[in-house]
Amino acid sequence: RYIRLTYLISPILQMVDESRMAFNPAVEISYMTPEH
């Protein structure tokens, strides 16, 4: 799950770091294409 976070674009990963986005939803979002 942690490694999946490396596939997030930087602004969304920053939201995770700042606790503006929960961890588990971010893992699911990491499977979306960079454009999406």
PDB file of all heavy atoms in Angstrom:
ATOM      1  N   ARG A   1       0.840  -1.199   0.000  1.00  0.00           N
ATOM      2  CA  ARG A   1       0.000   0.000   0.000  1.00  0.00           C
ATOM      3  C   ARG A   1       0.877   1.251   0.000  1.00  0.00           C
ATOM      4  O   ARG A   1       0.593   2.210  -0.729  1.00  0.00           O
ATOM      5  CB  ARG A   1      -0.916   0.012   1.230  1.00  0.00           C
ATOM      6  CG  ARG A   1      -2.076  -0.952   1.183  1.00  0.00           C
ATOM      7  CD  ARG A   1      -3.083  -0.598   2.255  1.00  0.00           C
ATOM      8  NE  ARG A   1      -4.083  -1.634   2.461  1.00  0.00           N
ATOM      9  CZ  ARG A   1      -4.076  -2.508   3.460  1.00  0.00           C
ATOM     10  NH1 ARG A   1      -3.114  -2.460   4.376  1.00  0.00           N
ATOM     11  NH2 ARG A   1      -5.017  -3.401   3.585  1.00  0.00           N
ATOM     12  N   TYR A   2       1.880   1.267   0.856  1.00  0.00           N
ATOM     13  CA  TYR A   2       2.765   2.435   0.899  1.00  0.00           C
ATOM     14  C   TYR A   2       3.426   2.669  -0.460  1.00  0.00           C
ATOM     15  O   TYR A   2       3.482   3.801  -0.956  1.00  0.00           O
ATOM     16  CB  TYR A   2       3.840   2.259   1.970  1.00  0.00           C
ATOM     17  CG  TYR A   2       3.449   2.806   3.327  1.00  0.00           C
ATOM     18  CD1 TYR A   2       3.228   1.962   4.404  1.00  0.00           C
ATOM     19  CD2 TYR A   2       3.298   4.172   3.524  1.00  0.00           C
ATOM     20  CE1 TYR A   2       2.857   2.463   5.650  1.00  0.00           C
ATOM     21  CE2 TYR A   2       2.924   4.681   4.763  1.00  0.00           C
ATOM     22  CZ  TYR A   2       2.710   3.829   5.814  1.00  0.00           C
ATOM     23  OH  TYR A   2       2.337   4.337   7.030  1.00  0.00           O
ATOM     24  N   ILE A   3       3.917   1.606  -1.067  1.00  0.00           N
ATOM     25  CA  ILE A   3       4.605   1.751  -2.355  1.00  0.00           C
ATOM     26  C   ILE A   3       3.652   2.277  -3.425  1.00  0.00           C
ATOM     27  O   ILE A   3       4.066   3.032  -4.315  1.00  0.00           O
ATOM     28  CB  ILE A   3       5.251   0.410  -2.771  1.00  0.00           C
ATOM     29  CG1 ILE A   3       6.421   0.102  -1.822  1.00  0.00           C
ATOM     30  CG2 ILE A   3       5.742   0.462  -4.218  1.00  0.00           C
ATOM     31  CD1 ILE A   3       7.079  -1.244  -2.054  1.00  0.00           C
ATOM     32  N   ARG A   4       2.364   1.939  -3.336  1.00  0.00           N
ATOM     33  CA  ARG A   4       1.394   2.466  -4.295  1.00  0.00           C
ATOM     34  C   ARG A   4       1.350   3.988  -4.258  1.00  0.00           C
ATOM     35  O   ARG A   4       1.089   4.630  -5.284  1.00  0.00           O
ATOM     36  CB  ARG A   4      -0.013   1.920  -3.996  1.00  0.00           C
ATOM     37  CG  ARG A   4      -0.303   0.525  -4.479  1.00  0.00           C
ATOM     38  CD  ARG A   4      -0.046   0.296  -5.926  1.00  0.00           C
ATOM     39  NE  ARG A   4      -0.543   1.353  -6.805  1.00  0.00           N
ATOM     40  CZ  ARG A   4      -0.337   1.375  -8.121  1.00  0.00           C
ATOM     41  NH1 ARG A   4       0.368   0.411  -8.703  1.00  0.00           N
ATOM     42  NH2 ARG A   4      -0.817   2.345  -8.858  1.00  0.00           N
ATOM     43  N   LEU A   5       1.619   4.588  -3.101  1.00  0.00           N
ATOM     44  CA  LEU A   5       1.581   6.051  -3.001  1.00  0.00           C
ATOM     45  C   LEU A   5       2.598   6.722  -3.919  1.00  0.00           C
ATOM     46  O   LEU A   5       2.428   7.874  -4.289  1.00  0.00           O
ATOM     47  CB  LEU A   5       1.836   6.502  -1.555  1.00  0.00           C
ATOM     48  CG  LEU A   5       0.827   6.072  -0.484  1.00  0.00           C
ATOM     49  CD1 LEU A   5       1.184   6.710   0.853  1.00  0.00           C
ATOM     50  CD2 LEU A   5      -0.602   6.451  -0.883  1.00  0.00           C
ATOM     51  N   THR A   6       3.649   6.015  -4.297  1.00  0.00           N
ATOM     52  CA  THR A   6       4.667   6.607  -5.176  1.00  0.00           C
ATOM     53  C   THR A   6       4.129   6.823  -6.586  1.00  0.00           C
ATOM     54  O   THR A   6       4.792   7.469  -7.399  1.00  0.00           O
ATOM     55  CB  THR A   6       5.935   5.728  -5.246  1.00  0.00           C
ATOM     56  OG1 THR A   6       5.636   4.471  -5.874  1.00  0.00           O
ATOM     57  CG2 THR A   6       6.496   5.482  -3.857  1.00  0.00           C
ATOM     58  N   TYR A   7       2.952   6.268  -6.877  1.00  0.00           N
ATOM     59  CA  TYR A   7       2.345   6.448  -8.203  1.00  0.00           C
ATOM     60  C   TYR A   7       1.341   7.607  -8.226  1.00  0.00           C
ATOM     61  O   TYR A   7       0.696   7.846  -9.244  1.00  0.00           O
ATOM     62  CB  TYR A   7       1.658   5.151  -8.653  1.00  0.00           C
ATOM     63  CG  TYR A   7       2.631   4.013  -8.845  1.00  0.00           C
ATOM     64  CD1 TYR A   7       2.926   3.131  -7.803  1.00  0.00           C
ATOM     65  CD2 TYR A   7       3.298   3.839 -10.052  1.00  0.00           C
ATOM     66  CE1 TYR A   7       3.839   2.099  -7.963  1.00  0.00           C
ATOM     67  CE2 TYR A   7       4.215   2.809 -10.228  1.00  0.00           C
ATOM     68  CZ  TYR A   7       4.476   1.954  -9.176  1.00  0.00           C
ATOM     69  OH  TYR A   7       5.397   0.930  -9.348  1.00  0.00           O
ATOM     70  N   LEU A   8       1.228   8.321  -7.106  1.00  0.00           N
ATOM     71  CA  LEU A   8       0.386   9.517  -7.059  1.00  0.00           C
ATOM     72  C   LEU A   8       1.138  10.705  -7.644  1.00  0.00           C
ATOM     73  O   LEU A   8       2.364  10.823  -7.498  1.00  0.00           O
ATOM     74  CB  LEU A   8       0.001   9.835  -5.608  1.00  0.00           C
ATOM     75  CG  LEU A   8      -0.957   8.867  -4.908  1.00  0.00           C
ATOM     76  CD1 LEU A   8      -1.036   9.208  -3.422  1.00  0.00           C
ATOM     77  CD2 LEU A   8      -2.337   8.908  -5.541  1.00  0.00           C
ATOM     78  N   ILE A   9       0.404  11.625  -8.266  1.00  0.00           N
ATOM     79  CA  ILE A   9       1.040  12.865  -8.694  1.00  0.00           C
ATOM     80  C   ILE A   9       1.373  13.689  -7.445  1.00  0.00           C
ATOM     81  O   ILE A   9       0.752  13.542  -6.394  1.00  0.00           O
ATOM     82  CB  ILE A   9       0.143  13.668  -9.670  1.00  0.00           C
ATOM     83  CG1 ILE A   9      -1.177  14.066  -8.992  1.00  0.00           C
ATOM     84  CG2 ILE A   9      -0.112  12.875 -10.951  1.00  0.00           C
ATOM     85  CD1 ILE A   9      -2.029  15.007  -9.832  1.00  0.00           C
ATOM     86  N   SER A  10       2.364  14.558  -7.554  1.00  0.00           N
ATOM     87  CA  SER A  10       2.900  15.268  -6.385  1.00  0.00           C
ATOM     88  C   SER A  10       1.843  16.028  -5.576  1.00  0.00           C
ATOM     89  O   SER A  10       1.846  15.951  -4.337  1.00  0.00           O
ATOM     90  CB  SER A  10       4.011  16.223  -6.819  1.00  0.00           C
ATOM     91  OG  SER A  10       5.104  15.496  -7.312  1.00  0.00           O
ATOM     92  N   PRO A  11       0.914  16.790  -6.217  1.00  0.00           N
ATOM     93  CA  PRO A  11      -0.057  17.538  -5.401  1.00  0.00           C
ATOM     94  C   PRO A  11      -0.948  16.639  -4.548  1.00  0.00           C
ATOM     95  O   PRO A  11      -1.296  16.999  -3.421  1.00  0.00           O
ATOM     96  CB  PRO A  11      -0.884  18.307  -6.446  1.00  0.00           C
ATOM     97  CG  PRO A  11      -0.007  18.393  -7.648  1.00  0.00           C
ATOM     98  CD  PRO A  11       0.767  17.107  -7.653  1.00  0.00           C
ATOM     99  N   ILE A  12      -1.328  15.471  -5.071  1.00  0.00           N
ATOM    100  CA  ILE A  12      -2.172  14.565  -4.295  1.00  0.00           C
ATOM    101  C   ILE A  12      -1.359  13.886  -3.195  1.00  0.00           C
ATOM    102  O   ILE A  12      -1.837  13.724  -2.063  1.00  0.00           O
ATOM    103  CB  ILE A  12      -2.852  13.525  -5.205  1.00  0.00           C
ATOM    104  CG1 ILE A  12      -3.850  14.226  -6.140  1.00  0.00           C
ATOM    105  CG2 ILE A  12      -3.566  12.454  -4.377  1.00  0.00           C
ATOM    106  CD1 ILE A  12      -4.608  13.296  -7.068  1.00  0.00           C
ATOM    107  N   LEU A  13      -0.114  13.520  -3.494  1.00  0.00           N
ATOM    108  CA  LEU A  13       0.744  12.933  -2.462  1.00  0.00           C
ATOM    109  C   LEU A  13       0.969  13.926  -1.329  1.00  0.00           C
ATOM    110  O   LEU A  13       1.009  13.553  -0.151  1.00  0.00           O
ATOM    111  CB  LEU A  13       2.079  12.509  -3.077  1.00  0.00           C
ATOM    112  CG  LEU A  13       3.066  11.790  -2.152  1.00  0.00           C
ATOM    113  CD1 LEU A  13       2.424  10.578  -1.500  1.00  0.00           C
ATOM    114  CD2 LEU A  13       4.323  11.396  -2.911  1.00  0.00           C
ATOM    115  N   GLN A  14       1.083  15.203  -1.673  1.00  0.00           N
ATOM    116  CA  GLN A  14       1.241  16.229  -0.639  1.00  0.00           C
ATOM    117  C   GLN A  14       0.000  16.303   0.250  1.00  0.00           C
ATOM    118  O   GLN A  14       0.097  16.525   1.456  1.00  0.00           O
ATOM    119  CB  GLN A  14       1.508  17.593  -1.279  1.00  0.00           C
ATOM    120  CG  GLN A  14       1.811  18.687  -0.262  1.00  0.00           C
ATOM    121  CD  GLN A  14       2.176  20.004  -0.922  1.00  0.00           C
ATOM    122  OE1 GLN A  14       2.404  20.082  -2.134  1.00  0.00           O
ATOM    123  NE2 GLN A  14       2.233  21.064  -0.143  1.00  0.00           N
ATOM    124  N   MET A  15      -1.178  16.113  -0.337  1.00  0.00           N
ATOM    125  CA  MET A  15      -2.417  16.091   0.461  1.00  0.00           C
ATOM    126  C   MET A  15      -2.373  14.971   1.495  1.00  0.00           C
ATOM    127  O   MET A  15      -2.843  15.130   2.623  1.00  0.00           O
ATOM    128  CB  MET A  15      -3.636  15.888  -0.451  1.00  0.00           C
ATOM    129  CG  MET A  15      -3.964  17.049  -1.350  1.00  0.00           C
ATOM    130  SD  MET A  15      -5.419  16.675  -2.370  1.00  0.00           S
ATOM    131  CE  MET A  15      -5.344  18.015  -3.554  1.00  0.00           C
ATOM    132  N   VAL A  16      -1.812  13.821   1.105  1.00  0.00           N
ATOM    133  CA  VAL A  16      -1.694  12.701   2.042  1.00  0.00           C
ATOM    134  C   VAL A  16      -0.744  13.071   3.171  1.00  0.00           C
ATOM    135  O   VAL A  16      -1.022  12.844   4.346  1.00  0.00           O
ATOM    136  CB  VAL A  16      -1.213  11.426   1.322  1.00  0.00           C
ATOM    137  CG1 VAL A  16      -1.118  10.261   2.304  1.00  0.00           C
ATOM    138  CG2 VAL A  16      -2.142  11.068   0.173  1.00  0.00           C
ATOM    139  N   ASP A  17       0.396  13.668   2.831  1.00  0.00           N
ATOM    140  CA  ASP A  17       1.365  14.087   3.843  1.00  0.00           C
ATOM    141  C   ASP A  17       0.773  15.104   4.814  1.00  0.00           C
ATOM    142  O   ASP A  17       1.119  15.117   5.999  1.00  0.00           O
ATOM    143  CB  ASP A  17       2.605  14.699   3.171  1.00  0.00           C
ATOM    144  CG  ASP A  17       3.566  13.645   2.648  1.00  0.00           C
ATOM    145  OD1 ASP A  17       3.455  12.473   3.072  1.00  0.00           O
ATOM    146  OD2 ASP A  17       4.436  13.979   1.823  1.00  0.00           O
ATOM    147  N   GLU A  18      -0.101  15.959   4.310  1.00  0.00           N
ATOM    148  CA  GLU A  18      -0.692  17.017   5.138  1.00  0.00           C
ATOM    149  C   GLU A  18      -2.003  16.575   5.794  1.00  0.00           C
ATOM    150  O   GLU A  18      -2.715  17.387   6.379  1.00  0.00           O
ATOM    151  CB  GLU A  18      -0.942  18.260   4.275  1.00  0.00           C
ATOM    152  CG  GLU A  18       0.344  18.904   3.767  1.00  0.00           C
ATOM    153  CD  GLU A  18       0.088  20.068   2.826  1.00  0.00           C
ATOM    154  OE1 GLU A  18      -1.092  20.281   2.447  1.00  0.00           O
ATOM    155  OE2 GLU A  18       1.051  20.749   2.460  1.00  0.00           O
ATOM    156  N   SER A  19      -2.321  15.267   5.674  1.00  0.00           N
ATOM    157  CA  SER A  19      -3.546  14.700   6.269  1.00  0.00           C
ATOM    158  C   SER A  19      -4.809  15.336   5.700  1.00  0.00           C
ATOM    159  O   SER A  19      -5.855  15.343   6.347  1.00  0.00           O
ATOM    160  CB  SER A  19      -3.525  14.846   7.799  1.00  0.00           C
ATOM    161  OG  SER A  19      -2.409  14.170   8.348  1.00  0.00           O
ATOM    162  N   ARG A  20      -4.740  15.864   4.486  1.00  0.00           N
ATOM    163  CA  ARG A  20      -5.926  16.390   3.818  1.00  0.00           C
ATOM    164  C   ARG A  20      -6.625  15.310   3.004  1.00  0.00           C
ATOM    165  O   ARG A  20      -7.737  15.511   2.524  1.00  0.00           O
ATOM    166  CB  ARG A  20      -5.557  17.581   2.921  1.00  0.00           C
ATOM    167  CG  ARG A  20      -5.095  18.801   3.697  1.00  0.00           C
ATOM    168  CD  ARG A  20      -5.066  20.034   2.820  1.00  0.00           C
ATOM    169  NE  ARG A  20      -3.992  19.989   1.834  1.00  0.00           N
ATOM    170  CZ  ARG A  20      -4.128  20.363   0.572  1.00  0.00           C
ATOM    171  NH1 ARG A  20      -5.297  20.787   0.122  1.00  0.00           N
ATOM    172  NH2 ARG A  20      -3.096  20.315  -0.260  1.00  0.00           N
ATOM    173  N   MET A  21      -5.948  14.179   2.815  1.00  0.00           N
ATOM    174  CA  MET A  21      -6.560  13.030   2.161  1.00  0.00           C
ATOM    175  C   MET A  21      -6.186  11.784   2.961  1.00  0.00           C
ATOM    176  O   MET A  21      -5.024  11.617   3.342  1.00  0.00           O
ATOM    177  CB  MET A  21      -6.096  12.885   0.708  1.00  0.00           C
ATOM    178  CG  MET A  21      -6.679  11.653   0.017  1.00  0.00           C
ATOM    179  SD  MET A  21      -6.213  11.504  -1.716  1.00  0.00           S
ATOM    180  CE  MET A  21      -7.139  12.861  -2.440  1.00  0.00           C
ATOM    181  N   ALA A  22      -7.161  10.925   3.200  1.00  0.00           N
ATOM    182  CA  ALA A  22      -6.926   9.706   3.970  1.00  0.00           C
ATOM    183  C   ALA A  22      -6.054   8.724   3.180  1.00  0.00           C
ATOM    184  O   ALA A  22      -6.020   8.734   1.947  1.00  0.00           O
ATOM    185  CB  ALA A  22      -8.248   9.062   4.351  1.00  0.00           C
ATOM    186  N   PHE A  23      -5.366   7.866   3.916  1.00  0.00           N
ATOM    187  CA  PHE A  23      -4.393   6.944   3.327  1.00  0.00           C
ATOM    188  C   PHE A  23      -5.043   5.955   2.363  1.00  0.00           C
ATOM    189  O   PHE A  23      -4.603   5.816   1.213  1.00  0.00           O
ATOM    190  CB  PHE A  23      -3.671   6.199   4.460  1.00  0.00           C
ATOM    191  CG  PHE A  23      -2.628   5.224   4.000  1.00  0.00           C
ATOM    192  CD1 PHE A  23      -1.329   5.636   3.737  1.00  0.00           C
ATOM    193  CD2 PHE A  23      -2.947   3.874   3.829  1.00  0.00           C
ATOM    194  CE1 PHE A  23      -0.367   4.728   3.321  1.00  0.00           C
ATOM    195  CE2 PHE A  23      -1.988   2.966   3.412  1.00  0.00           C
ATOM    196  CZ  PHE A  23      -0.691   3.395   3.162  1.00  0.00           C
ATOM    197  N   ASN A  24      -6.074   5.255   2.811  1.00  0.00           N
ATOM    198  CA  ASN A  24      -6.658   4.196   1.980  1.00  0.00           C
ATOM    199  C   ASN A  24      -7.285   4.711   0.680  1.00  0.00           C
ATOM    200  O   ASN A  24      -7.092   4.101  -0.379  1.00  0.00           O
ATOM    201  CB  ASN A  24      -7.661   3.378   2.787  1.00  0.00           C
ATOM    202  CG  ASN A  24      -6.969   2.471   3.802  1.00  0.00           C
ATOM    203  OD1 ASN A  24      -5.846   2.027   3.577  1.00  0.00           O
ATOM    204  ND2 ASN A  24      -7.622   2.199   4.918  1.00  0.00           N
ATOM    205  N   PRO A  25      -8.062   5.817   0.699  1.00  0.00           N
ATOM    206  CA  PRO A  25      -8.538   6.361  -0.574  1.00  0.00           C
ATOM    207  C   PRO A  25      -7.386   6.741  -1.505  1.00  0.00           C
ATOM    208  O   PRO A  25      -7.471   6.550  -2.724  1.00  0.00           O
ATOM    209  CB  PRO A  25      -9.335   7.601  -0.152  1.00  0.00           C
ATOM    210  CG  PRO A  25      -9.809   7.296   1.227  1.00  0.00           C
ATOM    211  CD  PRO A  25      -8.694   6.515   1.859  1.00  0.00           C
ATOM    212  N   ALA A  26      -6.293   7.256  -0.928  1.00  0.00           N
ATOM    213  CA  ALA A  26      -5.135   7.642  -1.755  1.00  0.00           C
ATOM    214  C   ALA A  26      -4.523   6.432  -2.447  1.00  0.00           C
ATOM    215  O   ALA A  26      -4.078   6.525  -3.599  1.00  0.00           O
ATOM    216  CB  ALA A  26      -4.092   8.342  -0.891  1.00  0.00           C
ATOM    217  N   VAL A  27      -4.504   5.297  -1.763  1.00  0.00           N
ATOM    218  CA  VAL A  27      -3.987   4.066  -2.377  1.00  0.00           C
ATOM    219  C   VAL A  27      -4.819   3.703  -3.601  1.00  0.00           C
ATOM    220  O   VAL A  27      -4.274   3.366  -4.665  1.00  0.00           O
ATOM    221  CB  VAL A  27      -3.988   2.905  -1.351  1.00  0.00           C
ATOM    222  CG1 VAL A  27      -3.661   1.580  -2.050  1.00  0.00           C
ATOM    223  CG2 VAL A  27      -2.982   3.186  -0.235  1.00  0.00           C
ATOM    224  N   GLU A  28      -6.138   3.784  -3.486  1.00  0.00           N
ATOM    225  CA  GLU A  28      -7.017   3.473  -4.631  1.00  0.00           C
ATOM    226  C   GLU A  28      -6.795   4.465  -5.770  1.00  0.00           C
ATOM    227  O   GLU A  28      -6.742   4.082  -6.940  1.00  0.00           O
ATOM    228  CB  GLU A  28      -8.485   3.499  -4.185  1.00  0.00           C
ATOM    229  CG  GLU A  28      -8.847   2.502  -3.100  1.00  0.00           C
ATOM    230  CD  GLU A  28      -8.621   1.065  -3.514  1.00  0.00           C
ATOM    231  OE1 GLU A  28      -8.875   0.740  -4.697  1.00  0.00           O
ATOM    232  OE2 GLU A  28      -8.193   0.261  -2.660  1.00  0.00           O
ATOM    233  N   ILE A  29      -6.649   5.737  -5.435  1.00  0.00           N
ATOM    234  CA  ILE A  29      -6.457   6.781  -6.445  1.00  0.00           C
ATOM    235  C   ILE A  29      -5.144   6.584  -7.204  1.00  0.00           C
ATOM    236  O   ILE A  29      -5.020   6.946  -8.379  1.00  0.00           O
ATOM    237  CB  ILE A  29      -6.515   8.168  -5.772  1.00  0.00           C
ATOM    238  CG1 ILE A  29      -7.953   8.469  -5.350  1.00  0.00           C
ATOM    239  CG2 ILE A  29      -5.987   9.274  -6.683  1.00  0.00           C
ATOM    240  CD1 ILE A  29      -8.078   9.628  -4.399  1.00  0.00           C
ATOM    241  N   SER A  30      -4.160   5.966  -6.545  1.00  0.00           N
ATOM    242  CA  SER A  30      -2.856   5.764  -7.190  1.00  0.00           C
ATOM    243  C   SER A  30      -2.954   4.891  -8.442  1.00  0.00           C
ATOM    244  O   SER A  30      -2.049   4.897  -9.281  1.00  0.00           O
ATOM    245  CB  SER A  30      -1.869   5.137  -6.195  1.00  0.00           C
ATOM    246  OG  SER A  30      -2.175   3.763  -5.962  1.00  0.00           O
ATOM    247  N   TYR A  31      -4.049   4.124  -8.575  1.00  0.00           N
ATOM    248  CA  TYR A  31      -4.236   3.281  -9.754  1.00  0.00           C
ATOM    249  C   TYR A  31      -4.820   4.067 -10.929  1.00  0.00           C
ATOM    250  O   TYR A  31      -4.894   3.548 -12.046  1.00  0.00           O
ATOM    251  CB  TYR A  31      -5.154   2.103  -9.419  1.00  0.00           C
ATOM    252  CG  TYR A  31      -4.521   1.068  -8.501  1.00  0.00           C
ATOM    253  CD1 TYR A  31      -4.697   1.151  -7.122  1.00  0.00           C
ATOM    254  CD2 TYR A  31      -3.756   0.025  -9.023  1.00  0.00           C
ATOM    255  CE1 TYR A  31      -4.127   0.206  -6.273  1.00  0.00           C
ATOM    256  CE2 TYR A  31      -3.191  -0.924  -8.183  1.00  0.00           C
ATOM    257  CZ  TYR A  31      -3.377  -0.826  -6.802  1.00  0.00           C
ATOM    258  OH  TYR A  31      -2.801  -1.759  -5.965  1.00  0.00           O
ATOM    259  N   MET A  32      -5.250   5.300 -10.689  1.00  0.00           N
ATOM    260  CA  MET A  32      -5.769   6.134 -11.770  1.00  0.00           C
ATOM    261  C   MET A  32      -4.615   6.618 -12.651  1.00  0.00           C
ATOM    262  O   MET A  32      -3.476   6.735 -12.184  1.00  0.00           O
ATOM    263  CB  MET A  32      -6.523   7.337 -11.196  1.00  0.00           C
ATOM    264  CG  MET A  32      -7.773   6.971 -10.408  1.00  0.00           C
ATOM    265  SD  MET A  32      -8.491   8.393  -9.525  1.00  0.00           S
ATOM    266  CE  MET A  32      -8.958   9.457 -10.911  1.00  0.00           C
ATOM    267  N   THR A  33      -4.896   6.903 -13.896  1.00  0.00           N
ATOM    268  CA  THR A  33      -3.852   7.418 -14.773  1.00  0.00           C
ATOM    269  C   THR A  33      -3.412   8.798 -14.280  1.00  0.00           C
ATOM    270  O   THR A  33      -4.192   9.507 -13.621  1.00  0.00           O
ATOM    271  CB  THR A  33      -4.349   7.548 -16.220  1.00  0.00           C
ATOM    272  OG1 THR A  33      -5.355   8.587 -16.278  1.00  0.00           O
ATOM    273  CG2 THR A  33      -4.931   6.239 -16.736  1.00  0.00           C
ATOM    274  N   PRO A  34      -2.186   9.236 -14.589  1.00  0.00           N
ATOM    275  CA  PRO A  34      -1.738  10.569 -14.181  1.00  0.00           C
ATOM    276  C   PRO A  34      -2.665  11.674 -14.668  1.00  0.00           C
ATOM    277  O   PRO A  34      -2.928  12.644 -13.936  1.00  0.00           O
ATOM    278  CB  PRO A  34      -0.343  10.684 -14.817  1.00  0.00           C
ATOM    279  CG  PRO A  34       0.139   9.267 -14.903  1.00  0.00           C
ATOM    280  CD  PRO A  34      -1.082   8.456 -15.215  1.00  0.00           C
ATOM    281  N   GLU A  35      -3.200  11.536 -15.882  1.00  0.00           N
ATOM    282  CA  GLU A  35      -4.113  12.551 -16.404  1.00  0.00           C
ATOM    283  C   GLU A  35      -5.380  12.622 -15.558  1.00  0.00           C
ATOM    284  O   GLU A  35      -5.848  13.709 -15.195  1.00  0.00           O
ATOM    285  CB  GLU A  35      -4.479  12.264 -17.860  1.00  0.00           C
ATOM    286  CG  GLU A  35      -5.414  13.306 -18.453  1.00  0.00           C
ATOM    287  CD  GLU A  35      -5.861  12.981 -19.866  1.00  0.00           C
ATOM    288  OE1 GLU A  35      -5.677  11.826 -20.304  1.00  0.00           O
ATOM    289  OE2 GLU A  35      -6.423  13.891 -20.524  1.00  0.00           O
ATOM    290  N   HIS A  36      -5.938  11.470 -15.225  1.00  0.00           N
ATOM    291  CA  HIS A  36      -7.151  11.443 -14.406  1.00  0.00           C
ATOM    292  C   HIS A  36      -6.876  11.948 -12.996  1.00  0.00           C
ATOM    293  O   HIS A  36      -7.732  12.581 -12.378  1.00  0.00           O
ATOM    294  CB  HIS A  36      -7.729  10.033 -14.366  1.00  0.00           C
ATOM    295  CG  HIS A  36      -8.311   9.584 -15.669  1.00  0.00           C
ATOM    296  ND1 HIS A  36      -8.609   8.260 -15.960  1.00  0.00           N
ATOM    297  CD2 HIS A  36      -8.664  10.293 -16.784  1.00  0.00           C
ATOM    298  CE1 HIS A  36      -9.121   8.178 -17.180  1.00  0.00           C
ATOM    299  NE2 HIS A  36      -9.156   9.401 -17.701  1.00  0.00           N
TER     300      HIS A  36
END
